[in-house]
């Protein structure tokens, strides 16, 4: 699970860096205003990527919580069976 999260973060960082470099090259030497727009676009893209990562992490957390609840129910069933068998 930690590997998946780390992989998502690395991919988002790489994508953000790639988009930043792509935008920087496209406006290099044009004007400070164009570079400012490029930086804003990069920040917007980065924020969007971070939001997507956060949403995915929330989904995974909810899935883990649901799995834990199912495992707890299974554990209780096993305990009941063991109690009946011990009688």
PDB file of N, CA and C in Angstrom:
ATOM      1  N   UNK A   1       0.827  -1.188   0.000  1.00  0.00           N
ATOM      2  CA  UNK A   1       0.000   0.000   0.000  1.00  0.00           C
ATOM      3  C   UNK A   1       0.877   1.259   0.000  1.00  0.00           C
ATOM      4  N   UNK A   2       1.922   1.242   0.841  1.00  0.00           N
ATOM      5  CA  UNK A   2       2.823   2.390   0.885  1.00  0.00           C
ATOM      6  C   UNK A   2       3.530   2.577  -0.453  1.00  0.00           C
ATOM      7  N   UNK A   3       3.836   1.468  -1.110  1.00  0.00           N
ATOM      8  CA  UNK A   3       4.500   1.559  -2.415  1.00  0.00           C
ATOM      9  C   UNK A   3       3.593   2.203  -3.445  1.00  0.00           C
ATOM     10  N   UNK A   4       2.302   1.870  -3.399  1.00  0.00           N
ATOM     11  CA  UNK A   4       1.353   2.450  -4.350  1.00  0.00           C
ATOM     12  C   UNK A   4       1.247   3.953  -4.135  1.00  0.00           C
ATOM     13  N   UNK A   5       1.144   4.356  -2.887  1.00  0.00           N
ATOM     14  CA  UNK A   5       1.044   5.780  -2.565  1.00  0.00           C
ATOM     15  C   UNK A   5       2.308   6.507  -3.004  1.00  0.00           C
ATOM     16  N   UNK A   6       3.458   5.924  -2.718  1.00  0.00           N
ATOM     17  CA  UNK A   6       4.723   6.539  -3.119  1.00  0.00           C
ATOM     18  C   UNK A   6       4.819   6.639  -4.633  1.00  0.00           C
ATOM     19  N   UNK A   7       4.382   5.604  -5.333  1.00  0.00           N
ATOM     20  CA  UNK A   7       4.402   5.622  -6.794  1.00  0.00           C
ATOM     21  C   UNK A   7       3.509   6.723  -7.338  1.00  0.00           C
ATOM     22  N   UNK A   8       2.324   6.903  -6.767  1.00  0.00           N
ATOM     23  CA  UNK A   8       1.416   7.961  -7.214  1.00  0.00           C
ATOM     24  C   UNK A   8       2.048   9.328  -7.003  1.00  0.00           C
ATOM     25  N   UNK A   9       2.685   9.523  -5.855  1.00  0.00           N
ATOM     26  CA  UNK A   9       3.322  10.812  -5.572  1.00  0.00           C
ATOM     27  C   UNK A   9       4.467  11.074  -6.535  1.00  0.00           C
ATOM     28  N   UNK A  10       5.273  10.056  -6.811  1.00  0.00           N
ATOM     29  CA  UNK A  10       6.403  10.221  -7.735  1.00  0.00           C
ATOM     30  C   UNK A  10       5.900  10.546  -9.137  1.00  0.00           C
ATOM     31  N   UNK A  11       4.864   9.862  -9.581  1.00  0.00           N
ATOM     32  CA  UNK A  11       4.309  10.116 -10.918  1.00  0.00           C
ATOM     33  C   UNK A  11       3.767  11.537 -11.006  1.00  0.00           C
ATOM     34  N   UNK A  12       3.053  11.975  -9.968  1.00  0.00           N
ATOM     35  CA  UNK A  12       2.508  13.332  -9.971  1.00  0.00           C
ATOM     36  C   UNK A  12       3.628  14.373  -9.991  1.00  0.00           C
ATOM     37  N   UNK A  13       4.671  14.134  -9.211  1.00  0.00           N
ATOM     38  CA  UNK A  13       5.800  15.071  -9.183  1.00  0.00           C
ATOM     39  C   UNK A  13       6.494  15.116 -10.544  1.00  0.00           C
ATOM     40  N   UNK A  14       6.683  13.951 -11.150  1.00  0.00           N
ATOM     41  CA  UNK A  14       7.327  13.901 -12.463  1.00  0.00           C
ATOM     42  C   UNK A  14       6.472  14.605 -13.507  1.00  0.00           C
ATOM     43  N   UNK A  15       5.157  14.367 -13.456  1.00  0.00           N
ATOM     44  CA  UNK A  15       4.256  15.013 -14.398  1.00  0.00           C
ATOM     45  C   UNK A  15       4.277  16.527 -14.207  1.00  0.00           C
ATOM     46  N   UNK A  16       4.236  16.959 -12.965  1.00  0.00           N
ATOM     47  CA  UNK A  16       4.295  18.389 -12.692  1.00  0.00           C
ATOM     48  C   UNK A  16       5.594  19.003 -13.169  1.00  0.00           C
ATOM     49  N   UNK A  17       6.710  18.326 -12.930  1.00  0.00           N
ATOM     50  CA  UNK A  17       8.009  18.826 -13.379  1.00  0.00           C
ATOM     51  C   UNK A  17       8.067  18.883 -14.902  1.00  0.00           C
ATOM     52  N   UNK A  18       7.561  17.832 -15.554  1.00  0.00           N
ATOM     53  CA  UNK A  18       7.547  17.798 -17.020  1.00  0.00           C
ATOM     54  C   UNK A  18       6.729  18.953 -17.575  1.00  0.00           C
ATOM     55  N   UNK A  19       5.545  19.167 -17.021  1.00  0.00           N
ATOM     56  CA  UNK A  19       4.696  20.260 -17.502  1.00  0.00           C
ATOM     57  C   UNK A  19       5.350  21.608 -17.235  1.00  0.00           C
ATOM     58  N   UNK A  20       6.019  21.739 -16.099  1.00  0.00           N
ATOM     59  CA  UNK A  20       6.706  22.990 -15.787  1.00  0.00           C
ATOM     60  C   UNK A  20       7.813  23.257 -16.807  1.00  0.00           C
ATOM     61  N   UNK A  21       8.631  22.239 -17.089  1.00  0.00           N
ATOM     62  CA  UNK A  21       9.718  22.403 -18.058  1.00  0.00           C
ATOM     63  C   UNK A  21       9.155  22.694 -19.443  1.00  0.00           C
ATOM     64  N   UNK A  22       8.106  22.001 -19.835  1.00  0.00           N
ATOM     65  CA  UNK A  22       7.486  22.200 -21.143  1.00  0.00           C
ATOM     66  C   UNK A  22       6.994  23.640 -21.275  1.00  0.00           C
ATOM     67  N   UNK A  23       6.328  24.145 -20.241  1.00  0.00           N
ATOM     68  CA  UNK A  23       5.808  25.508 -20.281  1.00  0.00           C
ATOM     69  C   UNK A  23       6.932  26.538 -20.235  1.00  0.00           C
ATOM     70  N   UNK A  24       7.983  26.255 -19.495  1.00  0.00           N
ATOM     71  CA  UNK A  24       9.095  27.195 -19.396  1.00  0.00           C
ATOM     72  C   UNK A  24       9.794  27.339 -20.741  1.00  0.00           C
ATOM     73  N   UNK A  25       9.982  26.235 -21.450  1.00  0.00           N
ATOM     74  CA  UNK A  25      10.640  26.281 -22.751  1.00  0.00           C
ATOM     75  C   UNK A  25       9.761  27.025 -23.748  1.00  0.00           C
ATOM     76  N   UNK A  26       8.464  26.829 -23.668  1.00  0.00           N
ATOM     77  CA  UNK A  26       7.547  27.451 -24.627  1.00  0.00           C
ATOM     78  C   UNK A  26       7.548  28.968 -24.516  1.00  0.00           C
ATOM     79  N   UNK A  27       7.782  29.518 -23.341  1.00  0.00           N
ATOM     80  CA  UNK A  27       7.710  30.964 -23.171  1.00  0.00           C
ATOM     81  C   UNK A  27       9.074  31.585 -22.888  1.00  0.00           C
ATOM     82  N   UNK A  28      10.150  30.813 -23.024  1.00  0.00           N
ATOM     83  CA  UNK A  28      11.478  31.327 -22.705  1.00  0.00           C
ATOM     84  C   UNK A  28      11.790  32.539 -23.575  1.00  0.00           C
ATOM     85  N   UNK A  29      12.150  33.632 -22.933  1.00  0.00           N
ATOM     86  CA  UNK A  29      12.567  34.841 -23.639  1.00  0.00           C
ATOM     87  C   UNK A  29      11.418  35.658 -24.203  1.00  0.00           C
ATOM     88  N   UNK A  30      10.173  35.258 -24.021  1.00  0.00           N
ATOM     89  CA  UNK A  30       9.059  36.016 -24.588  1.00  0.00           C
ATOM     90  C   UNK A  30       8.810  37.254 -23.743  1.00  0.00           C
ATOM     91  N   UNK A  31       8.439  37.048 -22.477  1.00  0.00           N
ATOM     92  CA  UNK A  31       8.246  38.176 -21.568  1.00  0.00           C
ATOM     93  C   UNK A  31       8.059  37.649 -20.158  1.00  0.00           C
ATOM     94  N   UNK A  32       8.243  38.526 -19.210  1.00  0.00           N
ATOM     95  CA  UNK A  32       8.021  38.138 -17.816  1.00  0.00           C
ATOM     96  C   UNK A  32       6.562  37.787 -17.581  1.00  0.00           C
ATOM     97  N   UNK A  33       5.663  38.496 -18.262  1.00  0.00           N
ATOM     98  CA  UNK A  33       4.237  38.245 -18.106  1.00  0.00           C
ATOM     99  C   UNK A  33       3.889  36.834 -18.573  1.00  0.00           C
ATOM    100  N   UNK A  34       4.441  36.441 -19.714  1.00  0.00           N
ATOM    101  CA  UNK A  34       4.175  35.087 -20.220  1.00  0.00           C
ATOM    102  C   UNK A  34       4.731  34.045 -19.272  1.00  0.00           C
ATOM    103  N   UNK A  35       5.898  34.308 -18.699  1.00  0.00           N
ATOM    104  CA  UNK A  35       6.492  33.367 -17.753  1.00  0.00           C
ATOM    105  C   UNK A  35       5.641  33.274 -16.496  1.00  0.00           C
ATOM    106  N   UNK A  36       5.073  34.406 -16.063  1.00  0.00           N
ATOM    107  CA  UNK A  36       4.190  34.405 -14.901  1.00  0.00           C
ATOM    108  C   UNK A  36       2.951  33.552 -15.170  1.00  0.00           C
ATOM    109  N   UNK A  37       2.379  33.695 -16.370  1.00  0.00           N
ATOM    110  CA  UNK A  37       1.220  32.888 -16.755  1.00  0.00           C
ATOM    111  C   UNK A  37       1.612  31.415 -16.751  1.00  0.00           C
ATOM    112  N   UNK A  38       2.818  31.122 -17.266  1.00  0.00           N
ATOM    113  CA  UNK A  38       3.295  29.744 -17.294  1.00  0.00           C
ATOM    114  C   UNK A  38       3.411  29.184 -15.880  1.00  0.00           C
ATOM    115  N   UNK A  39       3.954  29.990 -14.958  1.00  0.00           N
ATOM    116  CA  UNK A  39       4.089  29.536 -13.576  1.00  0.00           C
ATOM    117  C   UNK A  39       2.726  29.309 -12.931  1.00  0.00           C
ATOM    118  N   UNK A  40       1.765  30.189 -13.250  1.00  0.00           N
ATOM    119  CA  UNK A  40       0.416  30.004 -12.702  1.00  0.00           C
ATOM    120  C   UNK A  40      -0.211  28.721 -13.255  1.00  0.00           C
ATOM    121  N   UNK A  41       0.017  28.467 -14.536  1.00  0.00           N
ATOM    122  CA  UNK A  41      -0.522  27.244 -15.142  1.00  0.00           C
ATOM    123  C   UNK A  41       0.121  26.019 -14.483  1.00  0.00           C
ATOM    124  N   UNK A  42       1.416  26.099 -14.246  1.00  0.00           N
ATOM    125  CA  UNK A  42       2.113  24.995 -13.565  1.00  0.00           C
ATOM    126  C   UNK A  42       1.541  24.776 -12.178  1.00  0.00           C
ATOM    127  N   UNK A  43       1.345  25.866 -11.427  1.00  0.00           N
ATOM    128  CA  UNK A  43       0.808  25.737 -10.071  1.00  0.00           C
ATOM    129  C   UNK A  43      -0.606  25.166 -10.101  1.00  0.00           C
ATOM    130  N   UNK A  44      -1.407  25.588 -11.072  1.00  0.00           N
ATOM    131  CA  UNK A  44      -2.771  25.070 -11.198  1.00  0.00           C
ATOM    132  C   UNK A  44      -2.735  23.585 -11.525  1.00  0.00           C
ATOM    133  N   UNK A  45      -1.847  23.198 -12.448  1.00  0.00           N
ATOM    134  CA  UNK A  45      -1.715  21.787 -12.812  1.00  0.00           C
ATOM    135  C   UNK A  45      -1.232  20.973 -11.620  1.00  0.00           C
ATOM    136  N   UNK A  46      -0.254  21.497 -10.913  1.00  0.00           N
ATOM    137  CA  UNK A  46       0.271  20.798  -9.745  1.00  0.00           C
ATOM    138  C   UNK A  46      -0.809  20.643  -8.681  1.00  0.00           C
ATOM    139  N   UNK A  47      -1.566  21.707  -8.438  1.00  0.00           N
ATOM    140  CA  UNK A  47      -2.647  21.635  -7.456  1.00  0.00           C
ATOM    141  C   UNK A  47      -3.697  20.617  -7.882  1.00  0.00           C
ATOM    142  N   UNK A  48      -3.997  20.588  -9.161  1.00  0.00           N
ATOM    143  CA  UNK A  48      -4.957  19.616  -9.681  1.00  0.00           C
ATOM    144  C   UNK A  48      -4.451  18.191  -9.465  1.00  0.00           C
ATOM    145  N   UNK A  49      -3.167  17.980  -9.747  1.00  0.00           N
ATOM    146  CA  UNK A  49      -2.576  16.650  -9.533  1.00  0.00           C
ATOM    147  C   UNK A  49      -2.608  16.267  -8.053  1.00  0.00           C
ATOM    148  N   UNK A  50      -2.297  17.210  -7.194  1.00  0.00           N
ATOM    149  CA  UNK A  50      -2.326  16.928  -5.757  1.00  0.00           C
ATOM    150  C   UNK A  50      -3.741  16.611  -5.282  1.00  0.00           C
ATOM    151  N   UNK A  51      -4.723  17.309  -5.844  1.00  0.00           N
ATOM    152  CA  UNK A  51      -6.122  17.019  -5.497  1.00  0.00           C
ATOM    153  C   UNK A  51      -6.508  15.619  -5.941  1.00  0.00           C
ATOM    154  N   UNK A  52      -6.065  15.220  -7.134  1.00  0.00           N
ATOM    155  CA  UNK A  52      -6.352  13.871  -7.618  1.00  0.00           C
ATOM    156  C   UNK A  52      -5.705  12.828  -6.712  1.00  0.00           C
ATOM    157  N   UNK A  53      -4.467  13.086  -6.311  1.00  0.00           N
ATOM    158  CA  UNK A  53      -3.770  12.156  -5.406  1.00  0.00           C
ATOM    159  C   UNK A  53      -4.517  12.070  -4.078  1.00  0.00           C
ATOM    160  N   UNK A  54      -4.908  13.226  -3.546  1.00  0.00           N
ATOM    161  CA  UNK A  54      -5.616  13.241  -2.268  1.00  0.00           C
ATOM    162  C   UNK A  54      -6.921  12.446  -2.358  1.00  0.00           C
ATOM    163  N   UNK A  55      -7.663  12.649  -3.454  1.00  0.00           N
ATOM    164  CA  UNK A  55      -8.923  11.923  -3.633  1.00  0.00           C
ATOM    165  C   UNK A  55      -8.679  10.417  -3.717  1.00  0.00           C
ATOM    166  N   UNK A  56      -7.622  10.021  -4.410  1.00  0.00           N
ATOM    167  CA  UNK A  56      -7.297   8.597  -4.518  1.00  0.00           C
ATOM    168  C   UNK A  56      -6.912   8.026  -3.151  1.00  0.00           C
ATOM    169  N   UNK A  57      -6.153   8.790  -2.381  1.00  0.00           N
ATOM    170  CA  UNK A  57      -5.781   8.343  -1.038  1.00  0.00           C
ATOM    171  C   UNK A  57      -7.011   8.212  -0.136  1.00  0.00           C
ATOM    172  N   UNK A  58      -7.963   9.129  -0.281  1.00  0.00           N
ATOM    173  CA  UNK A  58      -9.207   9.044   0.496  1.00  0.00           C
ATOM    174  C   UNK A  58      -9.980   7.778   0.130  1.00  0.00           C
ATOM    175  N   UNK A  59     -10.043   7.468  -1.180  1.00  0.00           N
ATOM    176  CA  UNK A  59     -10.727   6.247  -1.615  1.00  0.00           C
ATOM    177  C   UNK A  59     -10.044   5.016  -1.023  1.00  0.00           C
ATOM    178  N   UNK A  60      -8.719   5.000  -1.077  1.00  0.00           N
ATOM    179  CA  UNK A  60      -7.978   3.854  -0.544  1.00  0.00           C
ATOM    180  C   UNK A  60      -8.179   3.739   0.967  1.00  0.00           C
ATOM    181  N   UNK A  61      -8.206   4.873   1.664  1.00  0.00           N
ATOM    182  CA  UNK A  61      -8.435   4.842   3.108  1.00  0.00           C
ATOM    183  C   UNK A  61      -9.822   4.272   3.414  1.00  0.00           C
ATOM    184  N   UNK A  62     -10.815   4.696   2.643  1.00  0.00           N
ATOM    185  CA  UNK A  62     -12.170   4.182   2.846  1.00  0.00           C
ATOM    186  C   UNK A  62     -12.234   2.682   2.564  1.00  0.00           C
ATOM    187  N   UNK A  63     -11.537   2.245   1.511  1.00  0.00           N
ATOM    188  CA  UNK A  63     -11.490   0.811   1.197  1.00  0.00           C
ATOM    189  C   UNK A  63     -10.834   0.029   2.335  1.00  0.00           C
ATOM    190  N   UNK A  64      -9.750   0.576   2.875  1.00  0.00           N
ATOM    191  CA  UNK A  64      -9.050  -0.093   3.979  1.00  0.00           C
ATOM    192  C   UNK A  64      -9.956  -0.175   5.205  1.00  0.00           C
ATOM    193  N   UNK A  65     -10.650   0.911   5.497  1.00  0.00           N
ATOM    194  CA  UNK A  65     -11.564   0.897   6.646  1.00  0.00           C
ATOM    195  C   UNK A  65     -12.670  -0.132   6.465  1.00  0.00           C
ATOM    196  N   UNK A  66     -13.210  -0.230   5.242  1.00  0.00           N
ATOM    197  CA  UNK A  66     -14.256  -1.224   4.972  1.00  0.00           C
ATOM    198  C   UNK A  66     -13.699  -2.635   5.114  1.00  0.00           C
ATOM    199  N   UNK A  67     -12.497  -2.856   4.627  1.00  0.00           N
ATOM    200  CA  UNK A  67     -11.859  -4.172   4.746  1.00  0.00           C
ATOM    201  C   UNK A  67     -11.623  -4.514   6.216  1.00  0.00           C
ATOM    202  N   UNK A  68     -11.167  -3.540   6.986  1.00  0.00           N
ATOM    203  CA  UNK A  68     -10.951  -3.770   8.421  1.00  0.00           C
ATOM    204  C   UNK A  68     -12.250  -4.143   9.118  1.00  0.00           C
ATOM    205  N   UNK A  69     -13.346  -3.493   8.743  1.00  0.00           N
ATOM    206  CA  UNK A  69     -14.641  -3.812   9.352  1.00  0.00           C
ATOM    207  C   UNK A  69     -15.049  -5.246   9.011  1.00  0.00           C
ATOM    208  N   UNK A  70     -14.839  -5.648   7.760  1.00  0.00           N
ATOM    209  CA  UNK A  70     -15.157  -7.024   7.357  1.00  0.00           C
ATOM    210  C   UNK A  70     -14.287  -8.022   8.110  1.00  0.00           C
ATOM    211  N   UNK A  71     -13.002  -7.715   8.258  1.00  0.00           N
ATOM    212  CA  UNK A  71     -12.106  -8.608   8.997  1.00  0.00           C
ATOM    213  C   UNK A  71     -12.509  -8.710  10.466  1.00  0.00           C
ATOM    214  N   UNK A  72     -12.951  -7.601  11.050  1.00  0.00           N
ATOM    215  CA  UNK A  72     -13.430  -7.639  12.433  1.00  0.00           C
ATOM    216  C   UNK A  72     -14.645  -8.551  12.563  1.00  0.00           C
ATOM    217  N   UNK A  73     -15.556  -8.459  11.596  1.00  0.00           N
ATOM    218  CA  UNK A  73     -16.748  -9.309  11.628  1.00  0.00           C
ATOM    219  C   UNK A  73     -16.360 -10.779  11.490  1.00  0.00           C
ATOM    220  N   UNK A  74     -15.417 -11.066  10.621  1.00  0.00           N
ATOM    221  CA  UNK A  74     -14.948 -12.445  10.455  1.00  0.00           C
ATOM    222  C   UNK A  74     -14.297 -12.930  11.748  1.00  0.00           C
ATOM    223  N   UNK A  75     -13.498 -12.088  12.371  1.00  0.00           N
ATOM    224  CA  UNK A  75     -12.856 -12.441  13.639  1.00  0.00           C
ATOM    225  C   UNK A  75     -13.877 -12.755  14.722  1.00  0.00           C
ATOM    226  N   UNK A  76     -14.931 -11.967  14.781  1.00  0.00           N
ATOM    227  CA  UNK A  76     -15.992 -12.226  15.769  1.00  0.00           C
ATOM    228  C   UNK A  76     -16.679 -13.561  15.484  1.00  0.00           C
ATOM    229  N   UNK A  77     -16.920 -13.857  14.216  1.00  0.00           N
ATOM    230  CA  UNK A  77     -17.541 -15.139  13.855  1.00  0.00           C
ATOM    231  C   UNK A  77     -16.645 -16.305  14.262  1.00  0.00           C
ATOM    232  N   UNK A  78     -15.364 -16.160  14.022  1.00  0.00           N
ATOM    233  CA  UNK A  78     -14.407 -17.219  14.400  1.00  0.00           C
ATOM    234  C   UNK A  78     -14.410 -17.399  15.910  1.00  0.00           C
ATOM    235  N   UNK A  79     -14.444 -16.302  16.653  1.00  0.00           N
ATOM    236  CA  UNK A  79     -14.480 -16.397  18.117  1.00  0.00           C
ATOM    237  C   UNK A  79     -15.743 -17.111  18.596  1.00  0.00           C
ATOM    238  N   UNK A  80     -16.879 -16.819  17.962  1.00  0.00           N
ATOM    239  CA  UNK A  80     -18.123 -17.490  18.331  1.00  0.00           C
ATOM    240  C   UNK A  80     -18.038 -18.987  18.049  1.00  0.00           C
ATOM    241  N   UNK A  81     -17.485 -19.345  16.907  1.00  0.00           N
ATOM    242  CA  UNK A  81     -17.333 -20.763  16.546  1.00  0.00           C
ATOM    243  C   UNK A  81     -16.406 -21.457  17.544  1.00  0.00           C
ATOM    244  N   UNK A  82     -15.295 -20.814  17.878  1.00  0.00           N
ATOM    245  CA  UNK A  82     -14.360 -21.396  18.848  1.00  0.00           C
ATOM    246  C   UNK A  82     -15.012 -21.584  20.208  1.00  0.00           C
ATOM    247  N   UNK A  83     -15.831 -20.616  20.605  1.00  0.00           N
ATOM    248  CA  UNK A  83     -16.533 -20.724  21.888  1.00  0.00           C
ATOM    249  C   UNK A  83     -17.493 -21.914  21.877  1.00  0.00           C
ATOM    250  N   UNK A  84     -18.234 -22.082  20.781  1.00  0.00           N
ATOM    251  CA  UNK A  84     -19.173 -23.203  20.671  1.00  0.00           C
ATOM    252  C   UNK A  84     -18.438 -24.542  20.643  1.00  0.00           C
ATOM    253  N   UNK A  85     -17.308 -24.573  19.967  1.00  0.00           N
ATOM    254  CA  UNK A  85     -16.528 -25.814  19.894  1.00  0.00           C
ATOM    255  C   UNK A  85     -15.926 -26.174  21.251  1.00  0.00           C
ATOM    256  N   UNK A  86     -15.609 -25.177  22.043  1.00  0.00           N
ATOM    257  CA  UNK A  86     -14.997 -25.425  23.351  1.00  0.00           C
ATOM    258  C   UNK A  86     -16.007 -25.950  24.369  1.00  0.00           C
ATOM    259  N   UNK A  87     -17.279 -25.767  24.105  1.00  0.00           N
ATOM    260  CA  UNK A  87     -18.311 -26.198  25.074  1.00  0.00           C
ATOM    261  C   UNK A  87     -18.538 -27.686  25.043  1.00  0.00           C
TER     262      UNK A  87
END
